[in-house]
């Protein structure tokens, strides 16, 4: 049970670190165009498929 003295603060720290990273990505506008990504995958304009033959 003494290990909980170390594990609980460590898990809270890592959870806070993950939350801070998520908030940072929101502030840096990483999720601005999810609709564009959905349509871009259907487009043939940027086709990276290997050549057929």
N, C-alpha and C. Protein backbone atom coordinates (compact mmCIF):
# COMPACT_ATOMS: atom_id res chain seq x y z
N UNK A 1 0.81 -1.20 0.00
CA UNK A 1 0.00 0.00 0.00
C UNK A 1 0.86 1.27 0.00
N UNK A 2 2.11 1.14 0.41
CA UNK A 2 2.95 2.34 0.42
C UNK A 2 3.26 2.83 -1.00
N UNK A 3 3.15 1.93 -1.97
CA UNK A 3 3.45 2.32 -3.34
C UNK A 3 2.41 3.31 -3.86
N UNK A 4 1.22 3.33 -3.28
CA UNK A 4 0.19 4.27 -3.69
C UNK A 4 0.60 5.71 -3.41
N UNK A 5 1.46 5.90 -2.43
CA UNK A 5 1.95 7.25 -2.13
C UNK A 5 2.72 7.81 -3.33
N UNK A 6 3.33 6.94 -4.11
CA UNK A 6 4.08 7.37 -5.30
C UNK A 6 3.23 7.32 -6.56
N UNK A 7 2.38 6.30 -6.66
CA UNK A 7 1.62 6.10 -7.89
C UNK A 7 0.51 7.13 -8.09
N UNK A 8 -0.17 7.51 -7.03
CA UNK A 8 -1.27 8.47 -7.18
C UNK A 8 -0.76 9.83 -7.64
N UNK A 9 0.25 10.42 -7.00
CA UNK A 9 0.77 11.69 -7.53
C UNK A 9 1.35 11.57 -8.94
N UNK A 10 1.99 10.45 -9.24
CA UNK A 10 2.55 10.26 -10.58
C UNK A 10 1.44 10.21 -11.62
N UNK A 11 0.35 9.51 -11.30
CA UNK A 11 -0.75 9.42 -12.27
C UNK A 11 -1.45 10.76 -12.42
N UNK A 12 -1.60 11.51 -11.35
CA UNK A 12 -2.19 12.85 -11.44
C UNK A 12 -1.31 13.78 -12.26
N UNK A 13 -0.01 13.68 -12.07
CA UNK A 13 0.92 14.51 -12.85
C UNK A 13 0.84 14.17 -14.34
N UNK A 14 0.84 12.88 -14.67
CA UNK A 14 0.79 12.47 -16.07
C UNK A 14 -0.56 12.83 -16.70
N UNK A 15 -1.64 12.71 -15.94
CA UNK A 15 -2.94 13.13 -16.45
C UNK A 15 -2.99 14.63 -16.71
N UNK A 16 -2.43 15.40 -15.80
CA UNK A 16 -2.36 16.85 -16.00
C UNK A 16 -1.47 17.22 -17.18
N UNK A 17 -0.40 16.48 -17.37
CA UNK A 17 0.48 16.71 -18.51
C UNK A 17 -0.26 16.43 -19.82
N UNK A 18 -1.03 15.35 -19.86
CA UNK A 18 -1.82 15.04 -21.04
C UNK A 18 -2.88 16.09 -21.31
N UNK A 19 -3.53 16.57 -20.26
CA UNK A 19 -4.53 17.61 -20.40
C UNK A 19 -3.90 18.91 -20.90
N UNK A 20 -2.75 19.25 -20.38
CA UNK A 20 -2.04 20.46 -20.83
C UNK A 20 -1.64 20.34 -22.30
N UNK A 21 -1.20 19.16 -22.73
CA UNK A 21 -0.85 18.97 -24.13
C UNK A 21 -2.08 19.09 -25.02
N UNK A 22 -3.21 18.57 -24.58
CA UNK A 22 -4.44 18.68 -25.35
C UNK A 22 -4.90 20.13 -25.46
N UNK A 23 -4.82 20.87 -24.39
CA UNK A 23 -5.21 22.29 -24.41
C UNK A 23 -4.25 23.07 -25.31
N UNK A 24 -2.97 22.72 -25.28
CA UNK A 24 -2.00 23.37 -26.16
C UNK A 24 -2.35 23.15 -27.63
N UNK A 25 -2.75 21.92 -27.97
CA UNK A 25 -3.13 21.65 -29.36
C UNK A 25 -4.38 22.41 -29.75
N UNK A 26 -5.30 22.59 -28.83
CA UNK A 26 -6.50 23.38 -29.12
C UNK A 26 -6.14 24.84 -29.38
N UNK A 27 -5.25 25.38 -28.57
CA UNK A 27 -4.87 26.79 -28.73
C UNK A 27 -4.05 27.02 -29.99
N UNK A 28 -3.34 25.99 -30.47
CA UNK A 28 -2.56 26.12 -31.69
C UNK A 28 -3.35 25.71 -32.92
N UNK A 29 -4.65 25.61 -32.78
CA UNK A 29 -5.58 25.38 -33.89
C UNK A 29 -5.25 24.13 -34.68
N UNK A 30 -4.96 23.04 -33.98
CA UNK A 30 -4.65 21.77 -34.65
C UNK A 30 -5.90 21.08 -35.20
N UNK A 31 -7.08 21.43 -34.68
CA UNK A 31 -8.30 20.73 -35.04
C UNK A 31 -9.27 21.64 -35.80
N UNK A 32 -8.75 22.57 -36.60
CA UNK A 32 -9.60 23.56 -37.25
C UNK A 32 -10.38 23.03 -38.43
N UNK A 33 -9.87 22.06 -39.17
CA UNK A 33 -10.52 21.68 -40.42
C UNK A 33 -10.80 20.17 -40.50
N UNK A 34 -11.60 19.63 -39.59
CA UNK A 34 -11.89 18.20 -39.70
C UNK A 34 -12.76 17.88 -40.91
N UNK A 35 -13.58 18.82 -41.34
CA UNK A 35 -14.42 18.59 -42.52
C UNK A 35 -13.57 18.51 -43.78
N UNK A 36 -12.54 19.35 -43.89
CA UNK A 36 -11.66 19.31 -45.05
C UNK A 36 -10.91 18.00 -45.15
N UNK A 37 -10.48 17.45 -44.01
CA UNK A 37 -9.81 16.15 -44.03
C UNK A 37 -10.73 15.06 -44.50
N UNK A 38 -11.99 15.14 -44.13
CA UNK A 38 -12.95 14.12 -44.54
C UNK A 38 -13.16 14.15 -46.05
N UNK A 39 -13.18 15.32 -46.65
CA UNK A 39 -13.37 15.41 -48.10
C UNK A 39 -12.08 15.17 -48.87
N UNK A 40 -10.94 15.50 -48.27
CA UNK A 40 -9.66 15.35 -48.95
C UNK A 40 -9.33 13.88 -49.22
N UNK A 41 -9.77 12.99 -48.33
CA UNK A 41 -9.47 11.58 -48.53
C UNK A 41 -10.22 11.00 -49.73
N UNK A 42 -11.32 11.64 -50.11
CA UNK A 42 -12.11 11.17 -51.25
C UNK A 42 -11.65 11.76 -52.57
N UNK A 43 -10.77 12.73 -52.52
CA UNK A 43 -10.32 13.43 -53.72
C UNK A 43 -9.24 12.63 -54.45
N UNK A 44 -9.26 12.67 -55.77
CA UNK A 44 -8.22 12.02 -56.57
C UNK A 44 -7.09 12.98 -56.91
N UNK A 45 -7.19 14.22 -56.48
CA UNK A 45 -6.20 15.23 -56.84
C UNK A 45 -4.81 14.89 -56.30
N UNK A 46 -4.74 14.37 -55.09
CA UNK A 46 -3.47 14.03 -54.47
C UNK A 46 -3.42 12.51 -54.26
N UNK A 47 -3.34 11.78 -55.32
CA UNK A 47 -3.36 10.33 -55.23
C UNK A 47 -1.94 9.82 -55.07
N UNK A 48 -1.67 9.20 -53.92
CA UNK A 48 -0.34 8.65 -53.64
C UNK A 48 -0.29 7.14 -53.88
N UNK A 49 -1.27 6.63 -54.58
CA UNK A 49 -1.30 5.19 -54.83
C UNK A 49 -0.16 4.80 -55.76
N UNK A 50 0.36 3.60 -55.59
CA UNK A 50 1.44 3.15 -56.49
C UNK A 50 0.89 2.98 -57.91
N UNK A 51 1.72 3.16 -58.89
CA UNK A 51 1.24 3.02 -60.28
C UNK A 51 0.79 1.59 -60.57
N UNK A 52 -0.26 1.49 -61.33
CA UNK A 52 -0.78 0.17 -61.68
C UNK A 52 0.04 -0.40 -62.83
N UNK A 53 0.17 -1.70 -62.84
CA UNK A 53 0.85 -2.28 -63.99
C UNK A 53 1.77 -3.32 -63.66
